[in-house]
Amino acid sequence: MDAIGVSITLDGAQFGAAMARMRSLGSFDPAPLMEEIAALGESQTRRRISEDKTAPDGTPWAPNRNGTPILAETGQHLLASLAWYASAEEAVWGASWEFAHIHQEGAVIVAKNAPYLTFFSGGAWRRAKSVTIPARPFIGLSAENRAEIEDLVSDHFARLP
């Protein structure tokens, strides 16, 4: 009976670069990557407010009564309050302005201490028992935002030694 077998010879020199990359992943510090993600997320949010004027799902924001660019008057407060934070565990960005949530979620403002709200809008003084501010979501990720973040992560890992 003849012996049958298989012999495989591996040259370890071929795996040097791969092994070096594996070692660098073993000591990977995620904090710089998280900082890049958070900074990009903030930048995407600024672009949404300043240029895109759409919700993360692509829905255009409802026009305002004055016919001016959406969030133009309050947008400076909103833009100035955008910030990001990152650690090794998370990447966070958002707005700290006290009225940011009203733009994100919408609100109904009702007169409390008088029969009507009085406000200046569209070049005239107006009165109303309530005012509905439609939601104009600016925080969130669109499909394009997700793709940008995925590209950033891929590029980050490609730059590792």
C-alpha atoms as a PDB file:
ATOM      1  CA  MET A   1       0.000   0.000   0.000  1.00  0.00           C
ATOM      2  CA  ASP A   2       1.346   3.376  -0.993  1.00  0.00           C
ATOM      3  CA  ALA A   3       1.263   6.268   1.425  1.00  0.00           C
ATOM      4  CA  ILE A   4      -0.791   9.273   0.365  1.00  0.00           C
ATOM      5  CA  GLY A   5      -0.286  12.669   1.938  1.00  0.00           C
ATOM      6  CA  VAL A   6      -0.164  16.375   1.499  1.00  0.00           C
ATOM      7  CA  SER A   7       2.686  18.630   2.391  1.00  0.00           C
ATOM      8  CA  ILE A   8       2.248  22.385   2.809  1.00  0.00           C
ATOM      9  CA  THR A   9       5.191  24.676   3.356  1.00  0.00           C
ATOM     10  CA  LEU A  10       4.616  28.235   4.490  1.00  0.00           C
ATOM     11  CA  ASP A  11       7.213  30.945   4.248  1.00  0.00           C
ATOM     12  CA  GLY A  12       6.710  33.208   7.289  1.00  0.00           C
ATOM     13  CA  ALA A  13       8.330  36.147   5.501  1.00  0.00           C
ATOM     14  CA  GLN A  14       5.190  36.477   3.386  1.00  0.00           C
ATOM     15  CA  PHE A  15       3.129  37.176   6.479  1.00  0.00           C
ATOM     16  CA  GLY A  16       5.354  39.852   7.996  1.00  0.00           C
ATOM     17  CA  ALA A  17       3.271  42.800   6.856  1.00  0.00           C
ATOM     18  CA  ALA A  18       0.021  41.077   7.776  1.00  0.00           C
ATOM     19  CA  MET A  19       1.341  40.167  11.214  1.00  0.00           C
ATOM     20  CA  ALA A  20       2.495  43.763  11.797  1.00  0.00           C
ATOM     21  CA  ARG A  21      -0.986  45.031  10.959  1.00  0.00           C
ATOM     22  CA  MET A  22      -2.541  42.460  13.270  1.00  0.00           C
ATOM     23  CA  ARG A  23      -0.265  43.635  16.089  1.00  0.00           C
ATOM     24  CA  SER A  24      -1.270  47.272  15.464  1.00  0.00           C
ATOM     25  CA  LEU A  25      -4.942  46.270  15.702  1.00  0.00           C
ATOM     26  CA  GLY A  26      -4.205  44.604  19.025  1.00  0.00           C
ATOM     27  CA  SER A  27      -3.052  47.919  20.423  1.00  0.00           C
ATOM     28  CA  PHE A  28      -5.672  49.982  18.545  1.00  0.00           C
ATOM     29  CA  ASP A  29      -6.798  53.136  20.378  1.00  0.00           C
ATOM     30  CA  PRO A  30     -10.326  53.982  19.182  1.00  0.00           C
ATOM     31  CA  ALA A  31     -10.365  57.522  20.661  1.00  0.00           C
ATOM     32  CA  PRO A  32      -8.840  59.274  17.597  1.00  0.00           C
ATOM     33  CA  LEU A  33     -11.292  57.489  15.290  1.00  0.00           C
ATOM     34  CA  MET A  34     -14.202  58.489  17.525  1.00  0.00           C
ATOM     35  CA  GLU A  35     -12.979  62.104  17.431  1.00  0.00           C
ATOM     36  CA  GLU A  36     -12.949  61.998  13.627  1.00  0.00           C
ATOM     37  CA  ILE A  37     -16.476  60.548  13.557  1.00  0.00           C
ATOM     38  CA  ALA A  38     -17.849  63.143  15.999  1.00  0.00           C
ATOM     39  CA  ALA A  39     -16.233  66.042  14.130  1.00  0.00           C
ATOM     40  CA  LEU A  40     -17.638  64.736  10.832  1.00  0.00           C
ATOM     41  CA  GLY A  41     -21.102  64.312  12.383  1.00  0.00           C
ATOM     42  CA  GLU A  42     -21.045  67.908  13.593  1.00  0.00           C
ATOM     43  CA  SER A  43     -19.916  69.085  10.158  1.00  0.00           C
ATOM     44  CA  GLN A  44     -22.734  67.122   8.502  1.00  0.00           C
ATOM     45  CA  THR A  45     -25.235  68.734  10.891  1.00  0.00           C
ATOM     46  CA  ARG A  46     -23.914  72.232  10.122  1.00  0.00           C
ATOM     47  CA  ARG A  47     -24.274  71.500   6.400  1.00  0.00           C
ATOM     48  CA  ARG A  48     -27.846  70.282   6.941  1.00  0.00           C
ATOM     49  CA  ILE A  49     -28.773  73.554   8.707  1.00  0.00           C
ATOM     50  CA  SER A  50     -26.860  75.935   6.432  1.00  0.00           C
ATOM     51  CA  GLU A  51     -27.220  74.325   3.017  1.00  0.00           C
ATOM     52  CA  ASP A  52     -29.379  71.189   2.742  1.00  0.00           C
ATOM     53  CA  LYS A  53     -32.386  72.345   4.813  1.00  0.00           C
ATOM     54  CA  THR A  54     -33.776  68.839   4.933  1.00  0.00           C
ATOM     55  CA  ALA A  55     -34.356  66.272   7.640  1.00  0.00           C
ATOM     56  CA  PRO A  56     -31.913  63.362   7.816  1.00  0.00           C
ATOM     57  CA  ASP A  57     -34.437  61.256   5.895  1.00  0.00           C
ATOM     58  CA  GLY A  58     -34.342  63.795   3.030  1.00  0.00           C
ATOM     59  CA  THR A  59     -37.704  65.405   3.757  1.00  0.00           C
ATOM     60  CA  PRO A  60     -37.538  69.159   3.044  1.00  0.00           C
ATOM     61  CA  TRP A  61     -38.228  71.362   6.049  1.00  0.00           C
ATOM     62  CA  ALA A  62     -41.569  73.128   6.147  1.00  0.00           C
ATOM     63  CA  PRO A  63     -41.316  76.760   5.013  1.00  0.00           C
ATOM     64  CA  ASN A  64     -41.630  79.463   7.641  1.00  0.00           C
ATOM     65  CA  ARG A  65     -44.280  82.177   7.740  1.00  0.00           C
ATOM     66  CA  ASN A  66     -41.781  84.961   7.001  1.00  0.00           C
ATOM     67  CA  GLY A  67     -40.648  83.306   3.802  1.00  0.00           C
ATOM     68  CA  THR A  68     -37.029  83.638   4.917  1.00  0.00           C
ATOM     69  CA  PRO A  69     -34.443  80.869   4.854  1.00  0.00           C
ATOM     70  CA  ILE A  70     -35.387  78.197   7.363  1.00  0.00           C
ATOM     71  CA  LEU A  71     -33.793  78.702  10.783  1.00  0.00           C
ATOM     72  CA  ALA A  72     -32.156  81.935   9.531  1.00  0.00           C
ATOM     73  CA  GLU A  73     -33.058  84.020  12.569  1.00  0.00           C
ATOM     74  CA  THR A  74     -32.569  81.304  15.159  1.00  0.00           C
ATOM     75  CA  GLY A  75     -30.082  79.367  13.089  1.00  0.00           C
ATOM     76  CA  GLN A  76     -27.140  81.398  14.311  1.00  0.00           C
ATOM     77  CA  HIS A  77     -27.940  80.392  17.878  1.00  0.00           C
ATOM     78  CA  LEU A  78     -28.434  76.852  16.730  1.00  0.00           C
ATOM     79  CA  LEU A  79     -25.238  76.776  14.661  1.00  0.00           C
ATOM     80  CA  ALA A  80     -23.225  78.390  17.454  1.00  0.00           C
ATOM     81  CA  SER A  81     -24.405  75.741  19.903  1.00  0.00           C
ATOM     82  CA  LEU A  82     -23.347  72.742  17.802  1.00  0.00           C
ATOM     83  CA  ALA A  83     -20.538  70.783  19.397  1.00  0.00           C
ATOM     84  CA  TRP A  84     -19.097  67.300  19.587  1.00  0.00           C
ATOM     85  CA  TYR A  85     -17.558  65.056  22.220  1.00  0.00           C
ATOM     86  CA  ALA A  86     -15.675  61.817  21.794  1.00  0.00           C
ATOM     87  CA  SER A  87     -14.058  59.167  23.945  1.00  0.00           C
ATOM     88  CA  ALA A  88     -12.761  55.686  23.241  1.00  0.00           C
ATOM     89  CA  GLU A  89     -16.340  54.388  23.606  1.00  0.00           C
ATOM     90  CA  GLU A  90     -18.490  56.961  21.823  1.00  0.00           C
ATOM     91  CA  ALA A  91     -18.800  59.793  19.328  1.00  0.00           C
ATOM     92  CA  VAL A  92     -21.488  62.348  20.185  1.00  0.00           C
ATOM     93  CA  TRP A  93     -22.608  65.570  18.531  1.00  0.00           C
ATOM     94  CA  GLY A  94     -25.595  67.818  18.951  1.00  0.00           C
ATOM     95  CA  ALA A  95     -26.862  71.266  19.851  1.00  0.00           C
ATOM     96  CA  SER A  96     -26.893  72.762  23.330  1.00  0.00           C
ATOM     97  CA  TRP A  97     -29.067  75.803  22.545  1.00  0.00           C
ATOM     98  CA  GLU A  98     -32.086  75.798  24.848  1.00  0.00           C
ATOM     99  CA  PHE A  99     -34.576  75.902  21.946  1.00  0.00           C
ATOM    100  CA  ALA A 100     -32.843  73.358  19.703  1.00  0.00           C
ATOM    101  CA  HIS A 101     -35.317  70.648  20.679  1.00  0.00           C
ATOM    102  CA  ILE A 102     -38.215  72.762  19.380  1.00  0.00           C
ATOM    103  CA  HIS A 103     -36.703  72.770  15.906  1.00  0.00           C
ATOM    104  CA  GLN A 104     -35.849  69.072  16.102  1.00  0.00           C
ATOM    105  CA  GLU A 105     -39.220  67.884  17.410  1.00  0.00           C
ATOM    106  CA  GLY A 106     -41.660  70.720  16.710  1.00  0.00           C
ATOM    107  CA  ALA A 107     -43.894  72.329  19.327  1.00  0.00           C
ATOM    108  CA  VAL A 108     -47.197  74.019  19.970  1.00  0.00           C
ATOM    109  CA  ILE A 109     -46.900  77.288  21.885  1.00  0.00           C
ATOM    110  CA  VAL A 110     -50.068  78.282  23.748  1.00  0.00           C
ATOM    111  CA  ALA A 111     -50.907  81.617  25.383  1.00  0.00           C
ATOM    112  CA  LYS A 112     -50.689  81.225  29.182  1.00  0.00           C
ATOM    113  CA  ASN A 113     -51.082  84.641  30.778  1.00  0.00           C
ATOM    114  CA  ALA A 114     -53.169  86.373  28.105  1.00  0.00           C
ATOM    115  CA  PRO A 115     -55.916  85.367  25.704  1.00  0.00           C
ATOM    116  CA  TYR A 116     -53.515  85.590  22.743  1.00  0.00           C
ATOM    117  CA  LEU A 117     -49.896  85.328  21.803  1.00  0.00           C
ATOM    118  CA  THR A 118     -48.679  88.518  20.136  1.00  0.00           C
ATOM    119  CA  PHE A 119     -45.719  88.336  17.774  1.00  0.00           C
ATOM    120  CA  PHE A 120     -44.205  90.041  14.737  1.00  0.00           C
ATOM    121  CA  SER A 121     -44.145  87.868  11.632  1.00  0.00           C
ATOM    122  CA  GLY A 122     -44.227  88.475   7.902  1.00  0.00           C
ATOM    123  CA  GLY A 123     -43.859  92.228   8.388  1.00  0.00           C
ATOM    124  CA  ALA A 124     -46.894  92.580  10.655  1.00  0.00           C
ATOM    125  CA  TRP A 125     -47.974  92.095  14.247  1.00  0.00           C
ATOM    126  CA  ARG A 126     -50.109  89.019  14.690  1.00  0.00           C
ATOM    127  CA  ARG A 127     -52.255  87.457  17.405  1.00  0.00           C
ATOM    128  CA  ALA A 128     -53.020  83.796  17.888  1.00  0.00           C
ATOM    129  CA  LYS A 129     -54.227  81.529  20.671  1.00  0.00           C
ATOM    130  CA  SER A 130     -51.505  79.094  19.729  1.00  0.00           C
ATOM    131  CA  VAL A 131     -48.682  78.711  17.258  1.00  0.00           C
ATOM    132  CA  THR A 132     -47.510  75.391  15.835  1.00  0.00           C
ATOM    133  CA  ILE A 133     -43.827  75.175  15.014  1.00  0.00           C
ATOM    134  CA  PRO A 134     -43.309  72.206  12.690  1.00  0.00           C
ATOM    135  CA  ALA A 135     -40.499  69.789  13.365  1.00  0.00           C
ATOM    136  CA  ARG A 136     -37.412  70.499  11.304  1.00  0.00           C
ATOM    137  CA  PRO A 137     -35.113  67.650  12.313  1.00  0.00           C
ATOM    138  CA  PHE A 138     -31.446  68.505  11.933  1.00  0.00           C
ATOM    139  CA  ILE A 139     -29.838  65.837  14.143  1.00  0.00           C
ATOM    140  CA  GLY A 140     -29.575  62.364  12.654  1.00  0.00           C
ATOM    141  CA  LEU A 141     -27.860  60.461   9.881  1.00  0.00           C
ATOM    142  CA  SER A 142     -28.915  60.399   6.265  1.00  0.00           C
ATOM    143  CA  ALA A 143     -27.836  57.554   3.989  1.00  0.00           C
ATOM    144  CA  GLU A 144     -25.174  59.907   2.581  1.00  0.00           C
ATOM    145  CA  ASN A 145     -23.990  60.765   6.112  1.00  0.00           C
ATOM    146  CA  ARG A 146     -23.677  57.062   6.950  1.00  0.00           C
ATOM    147  CA  ALA A 147     -21.666  56.450   3.774  1.00  0.00           C
ATOM    148  CA  GLU A 148     -19.332  59.355   4.642  1.00  0.00           C
ATOM    149  CA  ILE A 149     -18.764  57.918   8.120  1.00  0.00           C
ATOM    150  CA  GLU A 150     -18.156  54.427   6.709  1.00  0.00           C
ATOM    151  CA  ASP A 151     -15.589  55.907   4.296  1.00  0.00           C
ATOM    152  CA  LEU A 152     -13.939  57.767   7.165  1.00  0.00           C
ATOM    153  CA  VAL A 153     -13.648  54.535   9.194  1.00  0.00           C
ATOM    154  CA  SER A 154     -12.235  52.634   6.206  1.00  0.00           C
ATOM    155  CA  ASP A 155      -9.717  55.400   5.544  1.00  0.00           C
ATOM    156  CA  HIS A 156      -8.738  55.483   9.206  1.00  0.00           C
ATOM    157  CA  PHE A 157      -7.964  51.751   9.271  1.00  0.00           C
ATOM    158  CA  ALA A 158      -6.133  51.985   5.944  1.00  0.00           C
ATOM    159  CA  ARG A 159      -3.774  54.569   7.500  1.00  0.00           C
ATOM    160  CA  LEU A 160      -2.821  52.287  10.398  1.00  0.00           C
ATOM    161  CA  PRO A 161       0.770  51.047  10.249  1.00  0.00           C
END
